[in-house]
Amino acid sequence: MERGNDYVRLASIAAESEVGMTAVNRCLDAAKACNVDEACQKLRTEYVSACIGASASSTRSGQQPCNRMRCSKALRKFFDRVPPAHAHALLFCPCQDTACGERRRQTVVPACSYEEGPAADKPNCLQQLRVCTADYVCKSRWAQFQYDCQPSDLTASGCQHENYGNCLVAYTGLMGSTITPNYLDNTTSNVGPWCSCSASGNHREQCHDFLSFFHNNACLKRAILAFGNGTDQKHEPNQPGATVLATTSATNSHNRRQTTASTTTAIAMETEQNILSAQIPTQLNERNRLWGDDSSPPSPGLPDNGADSAHGPLSTWPLPLLLLLLWLH
C-alpha cells in the first residue's frame, strides 16, 4: 500500500484533489481506473519511478536529471502491455482547462522521456528520424503510424483507412522512441515530437513534411478528439449502419503489435542469415543443390531434368534395380 501511495505522489499528473473540480473529469477518472487495475497500476508505477524517481539525487550530483534510456524502455513497456482501454484514456482524455491540459501533457513525463532541454536546443527532426529508422522496431512502428494515420480528404473521417482506433494504437507505438510525440502545449490537442527543422539545410522541406504528419494531420487530430468526446467508432463501408467500437479494433491492433515485437529477434536473425548468404554465393548454391533447388544451373554433362527423373515411371528404371526391388518384396 505504501508503494501505491508513493506512486500516486510521483504521478501528480493524476492525483490532484477533487476539491473544486467539475463533476466529470475524465482524465482523473482514467487515472483512478488505472490505479485499481493491477497491471496498469504496476506498469505505470514502473515508468513513473524510472522517469522521476532518481531525478532529485541526480540533480544534486550535477549529473543528468534522469536515465533517459531506462525511462524510455519503461514507457514502451507500459504502452505495449496495457490495453488501449486504460492507456488511451490516460493519454487522450479531454481537457477543458490548462491545469488538466498540463496534467495530460505530463503523462509521459516529458522532462525525461521527451524533452531534452530548452526549446531553443531542440534536436533536428531528421537526425532523430535517422536514429529511429536505423532501429528495426522504431522503423516499423513509424511506418505503421504513417499507414494507420494516413490523412485523406476523400473520407468523412479524415483517415484514408477510416479507423481511429488503429491510428491511436500506432501513435502510442512511438512512445519511448527517438521520435516520441506529445502535446505541444497544455491548451490544445496539437501533438508532435520534440525537435525542430532549424538546422535542416537543403532538407528543410523534407523536415517540414515529417513534422506536418503530426502537426497538420487531420486523421490523427480527429482520432484524438473523437476519443475524447466518445465518438471514436469505425463504420464498415460494406455494412451500412453497422458500427464497431474502435476500442475493439484498437485492442486487436495492440495485440498484433505485441506479437510483432516478440518476433523482432527472429526476423533480425533471418535478415542476418540472408545477408551472409548473399555474400557467400558458393555456399548458397551448395545449399540449394542439397535441398533440390531447380534454380541452380545444371552441372556439365548432366540432364536438366535430373530432379524429375528420380520420380519418373518405373519403365525408365534399370532392370537390375527392378529385380532387386521384386526380390525384396
C-alpha atoms as a PDB file:
ATOM      1  CA  MET A   1       0.000   0.000   0.000  1.00  0.00           C
ATOM      2  CA  GLU A   2       2.901   2.347   0.783  1.00  0.00           C
ATOM      3  CA  ARG A   3       4.316   1.805  -2.692  1.00  0.00           C
ATOM      4  CA  GLY A   4       0.937   2.623  -4.179  1.00  0.00           C
ATOM      5  CA  ASN A   5       0.778   5.869  -2.206  1.00  0.00           C
ATOM      6  CA  ASP A   6       4.285   6.747  -3.363  1.00  0.00           C
ATOM      7  CA  TYR A   7       3.213   6.090  -6.920  1.00  0.00           C
ATOM      8  CA  VAL A   8       0.273   8.452  -6.603  1.00  0.00           C
ATOM      9  CA  ARG A   9       2.605  11.072  -5.149  1.00  0.00           C
ATOM     10  CA  LEU A  10       5.024  10.716  -8.058  1.00  0.00           C
ATOM     11  CA  ALA A  11       2.276  10.669 -10.641  1.00  0.00           C
ATOM     12  CA  SER A  12       0.885  14.018  -9.581  1.00  0.00           C
ATOM     13  CA  ILE A  13      -0.474  14.389 -13.067  1.00  0.00           C
ATOM     14  CA  ALA A  14      -3.346  12.217 -11.953  1.00  0.00           C
ATOM     15  CA  ALA A  15      -3.504  12.737  -8.210  1.00  0.00           C
ATOM     16  CA  GLU A  16      -4.822  16.242  -7.713  1.00  0.00           C
ATOM     17  CA  SER A  17      -7.513  16.704  -5.123  1.00  0.00           C
ATOM     18  CA  GLU A  18     -11.071  16.534  -6.369  1.00  0.00           C
ATOM     19  CA  VAL A  19     -11.961  19.608  -4.332  1.00  0.00           C
ATOM     20  CA  GLY A  20     -13.240  22.348  -6.603  1.00  0.00           C
ATOM     21  CA  MET A  21     -13.248  20.132  -9.710  1.00  0.00           C
ATOM     22  CA  THR A  22     -16.181  19.700 -12.027  1.00  0.00           C
ATOM     23  CA  ALA A  23     -18.449  16.702 -11.651  1.00  0.00           C
ATOM     24  CA  VAL A  24     -16.898  14.972 -14.657  1.00  0.00           C
ATOM     25  CA  ASN A  25     -13.137  14.882 -15.100  1.00  0.00           C
ATOM     26  CA  ARG A  26     -12.266  12.081 -17.471  1.00  0.00           C
ATOM     27  CA  CYS A  27      -8.517  12.494 -17.004  1.00  0.00           C
ATOM     28  CA  LEU A  28      -8.875  11.997 -13.269  1.00  0.00           C
ATOM     29  CA  ASP A  29     -11.312   9.129 -13.846  1.00  0.00           C
ATOM     30  CA  ALA A  30      -8.779   7.484 -16.174  1.00  0.00           C
ATOM     31  CA  ALA A  31      -6.060   7.758 -13.527  1.00  0.00           C
ATOM     32  CA  LYS A  32      -8.359   6.223 -10.914  1.00  0.00           C
ATOM     33  CA  ALA A  33      -9.298   3.386 -13.278  1.00  0.00           C
ATOM     34  CA  CYS A  34      -5.613   2.661 -13.904  1.00  0.00           C
ATOM     35  CA  ASN A  35      -4.875   2.656 -10.175  1.00  0.00           C
ATOM     36  CA  VAL A  36      -7.484  -0.030  -9.473  1.00  0.00           C
ATOM     37  CA  ASP A  37      -6.272  -2.213 -12.361  1.00  0.00           C
ATOM     38  CA  GLU A  38      -3.333  -4.294 -11.139  1.00  0.00           C
ATOM     39  CA  ALA A  39      -1.411  -4.462 -14.429  1.00  0.00           C
ATOM     40  CA  CYS A  40      -1.975  -0.812 -15.329  1.00  0.00           C
ATOM     41  CA  GLN A  41      -1.054   0.408 -11.848  1.00  0.00           C
ATOM     42  CA  LYS A  42       2.082  -1.746 -11.694  1.00  0.00           C
ATOM     43  CA  LEU A  43       3.423  -0.754 -15.110  1.00  0.00           C
ATOM     44  CA  ARG A  44       2.604   2.903 -14.613  1.00  0.00           C
ATOM     45  CA  THR A  45       4.378   2.864 -11.283  1.00  0.00           C
ATOM     46  CA  GLU A  46       7.421   1.406 -13.039  1.00  0.00           C
ATOM     47  CA  TYR A  47       7.675   4.048 -15.728  1.00  0.00           C
ATOM     48  CA  VAL A  48       6.899   6.974 -13.435  1.00  0.00           C
ATOM     49  CA  SER A  49       9.535   5.746 -10.983  1.00  0.00           C
ATOM     50  CA  ALA A  50      12.037   5.227 -13.815  1.00  0.00           C
ATOM     51  CA  CYS A  51      11.421   8.694 -15.223  1.00  0.00           C
ATOM     52  CA  ILE A  52      11.031  10.683 -12.000  1.00  0.00           C
ATOM     53  CA  GLY A  53      12.303   8.623  -9.062  1.00  0.00           C
ATOM     54  CA  ALA A  54      16.027   9.359  -9.415  1.00  0.00           C
ATOM     55  CA  SER A  55      15.766  12.960 -10.565  1.00  0.00           C
ATOM     56  CA  ALA A  56      16.346  14.598  -7.178  1.00  0.00           C
ATOM     57  CA  SER A  57      19.599  12.797  -6.351  1.00  0.00           C
ATOM     58  CA  SER A  58      20.847  13.105  -9.911  1.00  0.00           C
ATOM     59  CA  THR A  59      20.252  16.829  -9.950  1.00  0.00           C
ATOM     60  CA  ARG A  60      22.134  17.319  -6.680  1.00  0.00           C
ATOM     61  CA  SER A  61      25.133  15.443  -8.067  1.00  0.00           C
ATOM     62  CA  GLY A  62      25.159  17.585 -11.191  1.00  0.00           C
ATOM     63  CA  GLN A  63      24.511  14.607 -13.491  1.00  0.00           C
ATOM     64  CA  GLN A  64      21.727  14.035 -15.983  1.00  0.00           C
ATOM     65  CA  PRO A  65      18.320  14.604 -14.361  1.00  0.00           C
ATOM     66  CA  CYS A  66      17.208  11.124 -15.361  1.00  0.00           C
ATOM     67  CA  ASN A  67      18.186   7.918 -17.109  1.00  0.00           C
ATOM     68  CA  ARG A  68      16.506   8.540 -20.455  1.00  0.00           C
ATOM     69  CA  MET A  69      17.159   5.044 -21.782  1.00  0.00           C
ATOM     70  CA  ARG A  70      15.641   3.400 -18.718  1.00  0.00           C
ATOM     71  CA  CYS A  71      12.711   5.807 -18.782  1.00  0.00           C
ATOM     72  CA  SER A  72      12.003   5.206 -22.476  1.00  0.00           C
ATOM     73  CA  LYS A  73      12.164   1.443 -22.019  1.00  0.00           C
ATOM     74  CA  ALA A  74       9.655   1.555 -19.160  1.00  0.00           C
ATOM     75  CA  LEU A  75       7.397   3.853 -21.173  1.00  0.00           C
ATOM     76  CA  ARG A  76       7.421   1.484 -24.158  1.00  0.00           C
ATOM     77  CA  LYS A  77       6.629  -1.415 -21.853  1.00  0.00           C
ATOM     78  CA  PHE A  78       3.602   0.414 -20.461  1.00  0.00           C
ATOM     79  CA  PHE A  79       2.038   1.256 -23.821  1.00  0.00           C
ATOM     80  CA  ASP A  80       2.869  -2.166 -25.274  1.00  0.00           C
ATOM     81  CA  ARG A  81       1.327  -4.160 -22.433  1.00  0.00           C
ATOM     82  CA  VAL A  82      -1.518  -2.056 -21.060  1.00  0.00           C
ATOM     83  CA  PRO A  83      -4.761  -2.431 -23.062  1.00  0.00           C
ATOM     84  CA  PRO A  84      -5.898   0.651 -25.009  1.00  0.00           C
ATOM     85  CA  ALA A  85      -8.955   0.993 -22.757  1.00  0.00           C
ATOM     86  CA  HIS A  86      -6.644   2.234 -19.987  1.00  0.00           C
ATOM     87  CA  ALA A  87      -3.633   3.598 -21.892  1.00  0.00           C
ATOM     88  CA  HIS A  88      -5.697   5.698 -24.306  1.00  0.00           C
ATOM     89  CA  ALA A  89      -7.927   7.004 -21.524  1.00  0.00           C
ATOM     90  CA  LEU A  90      -4.850   8.392 -19.764  1.00  0.00           C
ATOM     91  CA  LEU A  91      -3.276   9.920 -22.853  1.00  0.00           C
ATOM     92  CA  PHE A  92      -6.270  11.169 -24.845  1.00  0.00           C
ATOM     93  CA  CYS A  93      -8.714  12.277 -22.140  1.00  0.00           C
ATOM     94  CA  PRO A  94     -10.422  15.603 -22.992  1.00  0.00           C
ATOM     95  CA  CYS A  95      -9.452  18.739 -21.075  1.00  0.00           C
ATOM     96  CA  GLN A  96     -11.329  21.991 -20.645  1.00  0.00           C
ATOM     97  CA  ASP A  97      -8.731  23.948 -18.654  1.00  0.00           C
ATOM     98  CA  THR A  98      -4.978  24.486 -18.651  1.00  0.00           C
ATOM     99  CA  ALA A  99      -4.418  22.613 -15.392  1.00  0.00           C
ATOM    100  CA  CYS A 100      -5.975  19.480 -16.864  1.00  0.00           C
ATOM    101  CA  GLY A 101      -4.081  20.013 -20.121  1.00  0.00           C
ATOM    102  CA  GLU A 102      -0.770  20.248 -18.301  1.00  0.00           C
ATOM    103  CA  ARG A 103      -1.561  17.151 -16.264  1.00  0.00           C
ATOM    104  CA  ARG A 104      -2.317  15.302 -19.502  1.00  0.00           C
ATOM    105  CA  ARG A 105       0.884  16.591 -21.133  1.00  0.00           C
ATOM    106  CA  GLN A 106       2.870  15.282 -18.182  1.00  0.00           C
ATOM    107  CA  THR A 107       1.506  11.741 -18.649  1.00  0.00           C
ATOM    108  CA  VAL A 108       4.663  10.591 -20.449  1.00  0.00           C
ATOM    109  CA  VAL A 109       6.948  12.545 -18.062  1.00  0.00           C
ATOM    110  CA  PRO A 110       8.329  14.753 -20.859  1.00  0.00           C
ATOM    111  CA  ALA A 111      11.188  16.168 -18.794  1.00  0.00           C
ATOM    112  CA  CYS A 112      12.883  12.773 -19.083  1.00  0.00           C
ATOM    113  CA  SER A 113      11.334  10.806 -21.937  1.00  0.00           C
ATOM    114  CA  TYR A 114      10.561  13.580 -24.382  1.00  0.00           C
ATOM    115  CA  GLU A 115      12.174  16.974 -23.867  1.00  0.00           C
ATOM    116  CA  GLU A 116      15.940  17.352 -23.848  1.00  0.00           C
ATOM    117  CA  GLY A 117      16.277  20.920 -22.652  1.00  0.00           C
ATOM    118  CA  PRO A 118      15.151  24.446 -23.588  1.00  0.00           C
ATOM    119  CA  ALA A 119      13.079  24.854 -26.733  1.00  0.00           C
ATOM    120  CA  ALA A 120      15.999  26.641 -28.390  1.00  0.00           C
ATOM    121  CA  ASP A 121      18.078  23.482 -28.041  1.00  0.00           C
ATOM    122  CA  LYS A 122      15.668  21.123 -29.745  1.00  0.00           C
ATOM    123  CA  PRO A 123      17.443  18.445 -31.825  1.00  0.00           C
ATOM    124  CA  ASN A 124      16.979  18.316 -35.574  1.00  0.00           C
ATOM    125  CA  CYS A 125      13.946  16.250 -36.596  1.00  0.00           C
ATOM    126  CA  LEU A 126      15.674  14.492 -39.482  1.00  0.00           C
ATOM    127  CA  GLN A 127      18.514  13.417 -37.234  1.00  0.00           C
ATOM    128  CA  GLN A 128      16.004  11.978 -34.774  1.00  0.00           C
ATOM    129  CA  LEU A 129      14.243  10.215 -37.635  1.00  0.00           C
ATOM    130  CA  ARG A 130      17.531   8.728 -38.883  1.00  0.00           C
ATOM    131  CA  VAL A 131      18.193   7.253 -35.462  1.00  0.00           C
ATOM    132  CA  CYS A 132      14.684   5.818 -35.483  1.00  0.00           C
ATOM    133  CA  THR A 133      14.895   4.254 -38.937  1.00  0.00           C
ATOM    134  CA  ALA A 134      18.234   2.653 -38.050  1.00  0.00           C
ATOM    135  CA  ASP A 135      16.377   0.594 -35.443  1.00  0.00           C
ATOM    136  CA  TYR A 136      14.121  -2.184 -36.749  1.00  0.00           C
ATOM    137  CA  VAL A 137      11.341  -1.752 -34.170  1.00  0.00           C
ATOM    138  CA  CYS A 138      11.235   2.044 -34.361  1.00  0.00           C
ATOM    139  CA  LYS A 139      11.344   1.971 -38.159  1.00  0.00           C
ATOM    140  CA  SER A 140       8.451  -0.492 -38.384  1.00  0.00           C
ATOM    141  CA  ARG A 141       6.362   1.496 -35.913  1.00  0.00           C
ATOM    142  CA  TRP A 142       6.985   4.740 -37.774  1.00  0.00           C
ATOM    143  CA  ALA A 143       5.829   3.016 -40.966  1.00  0.00           C
ATOM    144  CA  GLN A 144       2.758   1.637 -39.172  1.00  0.00           C
ATOM    145  CA  PHE A 145       1.905   5.097 -37.864  1.00  0.00           C
ATOM    146  CA  GLN A 146       2.155   6.568 -41.363  1.00  0.00           C
ATOM    147  CA  TYR A 147      -0.155   3.843 -42.672  1.00  0.00           C
ATOM    148  CA  ASP A 148      -2.814   3.845 -39.949  1.00  0.00           C
ATOM    149  CA  CYS A 149      -2.925   7.643 -39.577  1.00  0.00           C
ATOM    150  CA  GLN A 150      -2.716   8.484 -43.284  1.00  0.00           C
ATOM    151  CA  PRO A 151      -4.980  11.530 -43.780  1.00  0.00           C
ATOM    152  CA  SER A 152      -7.421  11.783 -46.664  1.00  0.00           C
ATOM    153  CA  ASP A 153      -9.732  14.487 -47.995  1.00  0.00           C
ATOM    154  CA  LEU A 154     -11.928  11.833 -49.605  1.00  0.00           C
ATOM    155  CA  THR A 155     -13.321  10.251 -46.435  1.00  0.00           C
ATOM    156  CA  ALA A 156     -15.702  11.628 -43.833  1.00  0.00           C
ATOM    157  CA  SER A 157     -13.393  10.560 -41.019  1.00  0.00           C
ATOM    158  CA  GLY A 158     -10.368  12.314 -42.498  1.00  0.00           C
ATOM    159  CA  CYS A 159      -8.472   8.997 -42.406  1.00  0.00           C
ATOM    160  CA  GLN A 160      -7.662   7.009 -45.514  1.00  0.00           C
ATOM    161  CA  HIS A 161      -8.330   3.726 -43.698  1.00  0.00           C
ATOM    162  CA  GLU A 162     -11.189   5.139 -41.584  1.00  0.00           C
ATOM    163  CA  ASN A 163     -10.104   3.589 -38.317  1.00  0.00           C
ATOM    164  CA  TYR A 164      -9.437   5.948 -35.429  1.00  0.00           C
ATOM    165  CA  GLY A 165      -8.611   3.119 -33.027  1.00  0.00           C
ATOM    166  CA  ASN A 166      -5.751   1.755 -35.124  1.00  0.00           C
ATOM    167  CA  CYS A 167      -4.419   5.277 -35.624  1.00  0.00           C
ATOM    168  CA  LEU A 168      -4.227   5.858 -31.865  1.00  0.00           C
ATOM    169  CA  VAL A 169      -2.559   2.477 -31.286  1.00  0.00           C
ATOM    170  CA  ALA A 170       0.035   3.307 -33.951  1.00  0.00           C
ATOM    171  CA  TYR A 171       0.578   6.714 -32.336  1.00  0.00           C
ATOM    172  CA  THR A 172       1.203   5.229 -28.879  1.00  0.00           C
ATOM    173  CA  GLY A 173       3.562   2.731 -30.528  1.00  0.00           C
ATOM    174  CA  LEU A 174       6.015   5.612 -30.982  1.00  0.00           C
ATOM    175  CA  MET A 175       6.212   6.260 -27.236  1.00  0.00           C
ATOM    176  CA  GLY A 176       9.692   5.733 -25.854  1.00  0.00           C
ATOM    177  CA  SER A 177      11.371   6.128 -29.255  1.00  0.00           C
ATOM    178  CA  THR A 178      13.613   8.932 -30.508  1.00  0.00           C
ATOM    179  CA  ILE A 179      10.544  10.488 -32.150  1.00  0.00           C
ATOM    180  CA  THR A 180       8.280  10.225 -29.094  1.00  0.00           C
ATOM    181  CA  PRO A 181       5.315  12.557 -29.692  1.00  0.00           C
ATOM    182  CA  ASN A 182       3.475  14.527 -27.027  1.00  0.00           C
ATOM    183  CA  TYR A 183       1.182  17.512 -26.600  1.00  0.00           C
ATOM    184  CA  LEU A 184       2.897  20.700 -27.708  1.00  0.00           C
ATOM    185  CA  ASP A 185       1.187  22.776 -25.014  1.00  0.00           C
ATOM    186  CA  ASN A 186      -1.438  22.482 -22.296  1.00  0.00           C
ATOM    187  CA  THR A 187      -4.222  24.340 -24.077  1.00  0.00           C
ATOM    188  CA  THR A 188      -4.784  22.366 -27.295  1.00  0.00           C
ATOM    189  CA  SER A 189      -4.693  18.838 -28.673  1.00  0.00           C
ATOM    190  CA  ASN A 190      -1.791  19.598 -31.008  1.00  0.00           C
ATOM    191  CA  VAL A 191       0.923  16.946 -30.813  1.00  0.00           C
ATOM    192  CA  GLY A 192       4.393  16.359 -32.215  1.00  0.00           C
ATOM    193  CA  PRO A 193       7.908  15.132 -31.416  1.00  0.00           C
ATOM    194  CA  TRP A 194      10.429  17.271 -29.524  1.00  0.00           C
ATOM    195  CA  CYS A 195      12.521  18.518 -32.450  1.00  0.00           C
ATOM    196  CA  SER A 196      12.836  21.339 -34.956  1.00  0.00           C
ATOM    197  CA  CYS A 197      13.852  21.953 -38.558  1.00  0.00           C
ATOM    198  CA  SER A 198      16.200  24.853 -37.796  1.00  0.00           C
ATOM    199  CA  ALA A 199      19.352  23.003 -38.904  1.00  0.00           C
ATOM    200  CA  SER A 200      17.962  21.052 -41.853  1.00  0.00           C
ATOM    201  CA  GLY A 201      19.868  22.862 -44.603  1.00  0.00           C
ATOM    202  CA  ASN A 202      18.761  21.706 -48.046  1.00  0.00           C
ATOM    203  CA  HIS A 203      16.438  19.149 -46.462  1.00  0.00           C
ATOM    204  CA  ARG A 204      14.182  21.670 -44.769  1.00  0.00           C
ATOM    205  CA  GLU A 205      11.176  20.704 -46.894  1.00  0.00           C
ATOM    206  CA  GLN A 206      11.629  17.040 -46.013  1.00  0.00           C
ATOM    207  CA  CYS A 207      11.848  18.001 -42.356  1.00  0.00           C
ATOM    208  CA  HIS A 208       8.659  20.056 -42.525  1.00  0.00           C
ATOM    209  CA  ASP A 209       6.878  17.130 -44.184  1.00  0.00           C
ATOM    210  CA  PHE A 210       7.878  14.962 -41.242  1.00  0.00           C
ATOM    211  CA  LEU A 211       6.559  17.457 -38.696  1.00  0.00           C
ATOM    212  CA  SER A 212       3.395  18.054 -40.711  1.00  0.00           C
ATOM    213  CA  PHE A 213       2.456  14.412 -40.313  1.00  0.00           C
ATOM    214  CA  PHE A 214       1.942  15.282 -36.641  1.00  0.00           C
ATOM    215  CA  HIS A 215       1.071  18.983 -36.630  1.00  0.00           C
ATOM    216  CA  ASN A 216      -1.275  19.098 -39.623  1.00  0.00           C
ATOM    217  CA  ASN A 217      -2.619  15.549 -39.675  1.00  0.00           C
ATOM    218  CA  ALA A 218      -6.418  15.738 -39.816  1.00  0.00           C
ATOM    219  CA  CYS A 219      -6.731  11.985 -39.274  1.00  0.00           C
ATOM    220  CA  LEU A 220      -4.660  11.980 -36.085  1.00  0.00           C
ATOM    221  CA  LYS A 221      -6.258  15.139 -34.726  1.00  0.00           C
ATOM    222  CA  ARG A 222      -9.790  13.836 -35.323  1.00  0.00           C
ATOM    223  CA  ALA A 223      -8.901  10.469 -33.808  1.00  0.00           C
ATOM    224  CA  ILE A 224      -7.715  12.161 -30.604  1.00  0.00           C
ATOM    225  CA  LEU A 225     -10.763  14.432 -30.438  1.00  0.00           C
ATOM    226  CA  ALA A 226     -13.130  11.560 -31.242  1.00  0.00           C
ATOM    227  CA  PHE A 227     -11.731   9.517 -28.377  1.00  0.00           C
ATOM    228  CA  GLY A 228     -12.216  12.482 -26.092  1.00  0.00           C
ATOM    229  CA  ASN A 229     -15.862  13.022 -26.984  1.00  0.00           C
ATOM    230  CA  GLY A 230     -16.716   9.333 -27.231  1.00  0.00           C
ATOM    231  CA  THR A 231     -17.416   9.198 -30.977  1.00  0.00           C
ATOM    232  CA  ASP A 232     -14.434   7.011 -31.819  1.00  0.00           C
ATOM    233  CA  GLN A 233     -16.322   4.453 -33.908  1.00  0.00           C
ATOM    234  CA  LYS A 234     -15.403   2.715 -37.121  1.00  0.00           C
ATOM    235  CA  HIS A 235     -18.077   2.471 -39.802  1.00  0.00           C
ATOM    236  CA  GLU A 236     -17.768  -0.586 -42.012  1.00  0.00           C
ATOM    237  CA  PRO A 237     -18.223   0.592 -45.642  1.00  0.00           C
ATOM    238  CA  ASN A 238     -19.683  -2.749 -46.747  1.00  0.00           C
ATOM    239  CA  GLN A 239     -22.274  -2.810 -43.972  1.00  0.00           C
ATOM    240  CA  PRO A 240     -24.279   0.446 -43.956  1.00  0.00           C
ATOM    241  CA  GLY A 241     -25.431   1.408 -40.496  1.00  0.00           C
ATOM    242  CA  ALA A 242     -23.232  -1.147 -38.746  1.00  0.00           C
ATOM    243  CA  THR A 243     -20.646   0.218 -36.335  1.00  0.00           C
ATOM    244  CA  VAL A 244     -17.799  -1.421 -34.497  1.00  0.00           C
ATOM    245  CA  LEU A 245     -16.343   0.236 -31.434  1.00  0.00           C
ATOM    246  CA  ALA A 246     -12.859   1.487 -32.138  1.00  0.00           C
ATOM    247  CA  THR A 247     -11.651   0.112 -28.840  1.00  0.00           C
ATOM    248  CA  THR A 248     -12.202  -3.414 -30.157  1.00  0.00           C
ATOM    249  CA  SER A 249     -10.236  -2.688 -33.304  1.00  0.00           C
ATOM    250  CA  ALA A 250      -7.600  -0.893 -31.263  1.00  0.00           C
ATOM    251  CA  THR A 251      -7.246  -3.883 -28.956  1.00  0.00           C
ATOM    252  CA  ASN A 252      -6.704  -6.175 -31.945  1.00  0.00           C
ATOM    253  CA  SER A 253      -4.086  -3.802 -33.341  1.00  0.00           C
ATOM    254  CA  HIS A 254      -2.471  -3.588 -29.891  1.00  0.00           C
ATOM    255  CA  ASN A 255      -2.284  -7.399 -29.731  1.00  0.00           C
ATOM    256  CA  ARG A 256      -0.736  -7.547 -33.199  1.00  0.00           C
ATOM    257  CA  ARG A 257       1.906  -5.043 -32.070  1.00  0.00           C
ATOM    258  CA  GLN A 258       2.783  -7.265 -29.110  1.00  0.00           C
ATOM    259  CA  THR A 259       3.126 -10.258 -31.429  1.00  0.00           C
ATOM    260  CA  THR A 260       5.291  -8.260 -33.826  1.00  0.00           C
ATOM    261  CA  ALA A 261       7.572  -7.133 -31.021  1.00  0.00           C
ATOM    262  CA  SER A 262       8.065 -10.722 -29.861  1.00  0.00           C
ATOM    263  CA  THR A 263       9.267 -11.777 -33.308  1.00  0.00           C
ATOM    264  CA  THR A 264      11.758  -8.934 -33.778  1.00  0.00           C
ATOM    265  CA  THR A 265      14.750 -11.055 -32.791  1.00  0.00           C
ATOM    266  CA  ALA A 266      13.790 -13.882 -35.129  1.00  0.00           C
ATOM    267  CA  ILE A 267      13.364 -11.502 -38.063  1.00  0.00           C
ATOM    268  CA  ALA A 268      16.688  -9.839 -37.340  1.00  0.00           C
ATOM    269  CA  MET A 269      18.408 -13.238 -37.293  1.00  0.00           C
ATOM    270  CA  GLU A 270      16.781 -14.193 -40.580  1.00  0.00           C
ATOM    271  CA  THR A 271      17.879 -10.899 -42.135  1.00  0.00           C
ATOM    272  CA  GLU A 272      21.441 -11.522 -40.988  1.00  0.00           C
ATOM    273  CA  GLN A 273      21.373 -15.003 -42.494  1.00  0.00           C
ATOM    274  CA  ASN A 274      20.118 -13.609 -45.804  1.00  0.00           C
ATOM    275  CA  ILE A 275      22.934 -11.066 -45.859  1.00  0.00           C
ATOM    276  CA  LEU A 276      25.525 -13.734 -45.141  1.00  0.00           C
ATOM    277  CA  SER A 277      24.048 -15.971 -47.824  1.00  0.00           C
ATOM    278  CA  ALA A 278      24.281 -13.180 -50.369  1.00  0.00           C
ATOM    279  CA  GLN A 279      27.925 -12.681 -49.504  1.00  0.00           C
ATOM    280  CA  ILE A 280      28.793 -16.388 -49.904  1.00  0.00           C
ATOM    281  CA  PRO A 281      27.228 -17.478 -53.230  1.00  0.00           C
ATOM    282  CA  THR A 282      29.244 -20.713 -53.352  1.00  0.00           C
ATOM    283  CA  GLN A 283      27.782 -21.912 -50.093  1.00  0.00           C
ATOM    284  CA  LEU A 284      24.336 -20.742 -51.166  1.00  0.00           C
ATOM    285  CA  ASN A 285      24.468 -22.768 -54.380  1.00  0.00           C
ATOM    286  CA  GLU A 286      25.705 -25.793 -52.469  1.00  0.00           C
ATOM    287  CA  ARG A 287      22.805 -25.488 -50.043  1.00  0.00           C
ATOM    288  CA  ASN A 288      20.326 -25.115 -52.914  1.00  0.00           C
ATOM    289  CA  ARG A 289      21.659 -28.278 -54.534  1.00  0.00           C
ATOM    290  CA  LEU A 290      21.325 -30.154 -51.265  1.00  0.00           C
ATOM    291  CA  TRP A 291      17.680 -29.063 -50.962  1.00  0.00           C
ATOM    292  CA  GLY A 292      16.906 -29.740 -54.616  1.00  0.00           C
ATOM    293  CA  ASP A 293      16.645 -26.123 -55.793  1.00  0.00           C
ATOM    294  CA  ASP A 294      15.895 -26.263 -59.517  1.00  0.00           C
ATOM    295  CA  SER A 295      17.067 -22.696 -59.932  1.00  0.00           C
ATOM    296  CA  SER A 296      20.711 -23.838 -59.779  1.00  0.00           C
ATOM    297  CA  PRO A 297      22.332 -24.297 -63.193  1.00  0.00           C
ATOM    298  CA  PRO A 298      22.809 -27.937 -64.211  1.00  0.00           C
ATOM    299  CA  SER A 299      26.240 -29.444 -63.863  1.00  0.00           C
ATOM    300  CA  PRO A 300      28.115 -30.078 -67.112  1.00  0.00           C
ATOM    301  CA  GLY A 301      27.228 -33.400 -68.655  1.00  0.00           C
ATOM    302  CA  LEU A 302      24.027 -33.899 -66.625  1.00  0.00           C
ATOM    303  CA  PRO A 303      20.464 -33.540 -67.960  1.00  0.00           C
ATOM    304  CA  ASP A 304      18.371 -30.585 -66.772  1.00  0.00           C
ATOM    305  CA  ASN A 305      15.584 -32.833 -65.512  1.00  0.00           C
ATOM    306  CA  GLY A 306      17.720 -34.739 -63.033  1.00  0.00           C
ATOM    307  CA  ALA A 307      15.391 -33.922 -60.150  1.00  0.00           C
ATOM    308  CA  ASP A 308      12.340 -35.192 -62.017  1.00  0.00           C
ATOM    309  CA  SER A 309      13.984 -38.433 -63.179  1.00  0.00           C
ATOM    310  CA  ALA A 310      14.192 -39.660 -59.605  1.00  0.00           C
ATOM    311  CA  HIS A 311      10.404 -39.702 -59.522  1.00  0.00           C
ATOM    312  CA  GLY A 312       9.824 -40.878 -63.126  1.00  0.00           C
ATOM    313  CA  PRO A 313       7.886 -44.006 -64.241  1.00  0.00           C
ATOM    314  CA  LEU A 314       9.253 -47.466 -63.371  1.00  0.00           C
ATOM    315  CA  SER A 315       9.837 -48.241 -67.050  1.00  0.00           C
ATOM    316  CA  THR A 316      12.795 -45.885 -67.033  1.00  0.00           C
ATOM    317  CA  TRP A 317      14.494 -47.641 -64.083  1.00  0.00           C
ATOM    318  CA  PRO A 318      17.433 -50.069 -64.769  1.00  0.00           C
ATOM    319  CA  LEU A 319      16.424 -53.756 -64.921  1.00  0.00           C
ATOM    320  CA  PRO A 320      18.809 -54.875 -62.117  1.00  0.00           C
ATOM    321  CA  LEU A 321      17.241 -52.341 -59.778  1.00  0.00           C
ATOM    322  CA  LEU A 322      13.730 -53.563 -60.626  1.00  0.00           C
ATOM    323  CA  LEU A 323      14.728 -57.180 -59.974  1.00  0.00           C
ATOM    324  CA  LEU A 324      16.235 -56.175 -56.641  1.00  0.00           C
ATOM    325  CA  LEU A 325      13.016 -54.449 -55.631  1.00  0.00           C
ATOM    326  CA  LEU A 326      10.945 -57.510 -56.601  1.00  0.00           C
ATOM    327  CA  TRP A 327      13.260 -59.760 -54.589  1.00  0.00           C
ATOM    328  CA  LEU A 328      12.943 -57.512 -51.528  1.00  0.00           C
ATOM    329  CA  HIS A 329       9.166 -57.671 -51.719  1.00  0.00           C
END
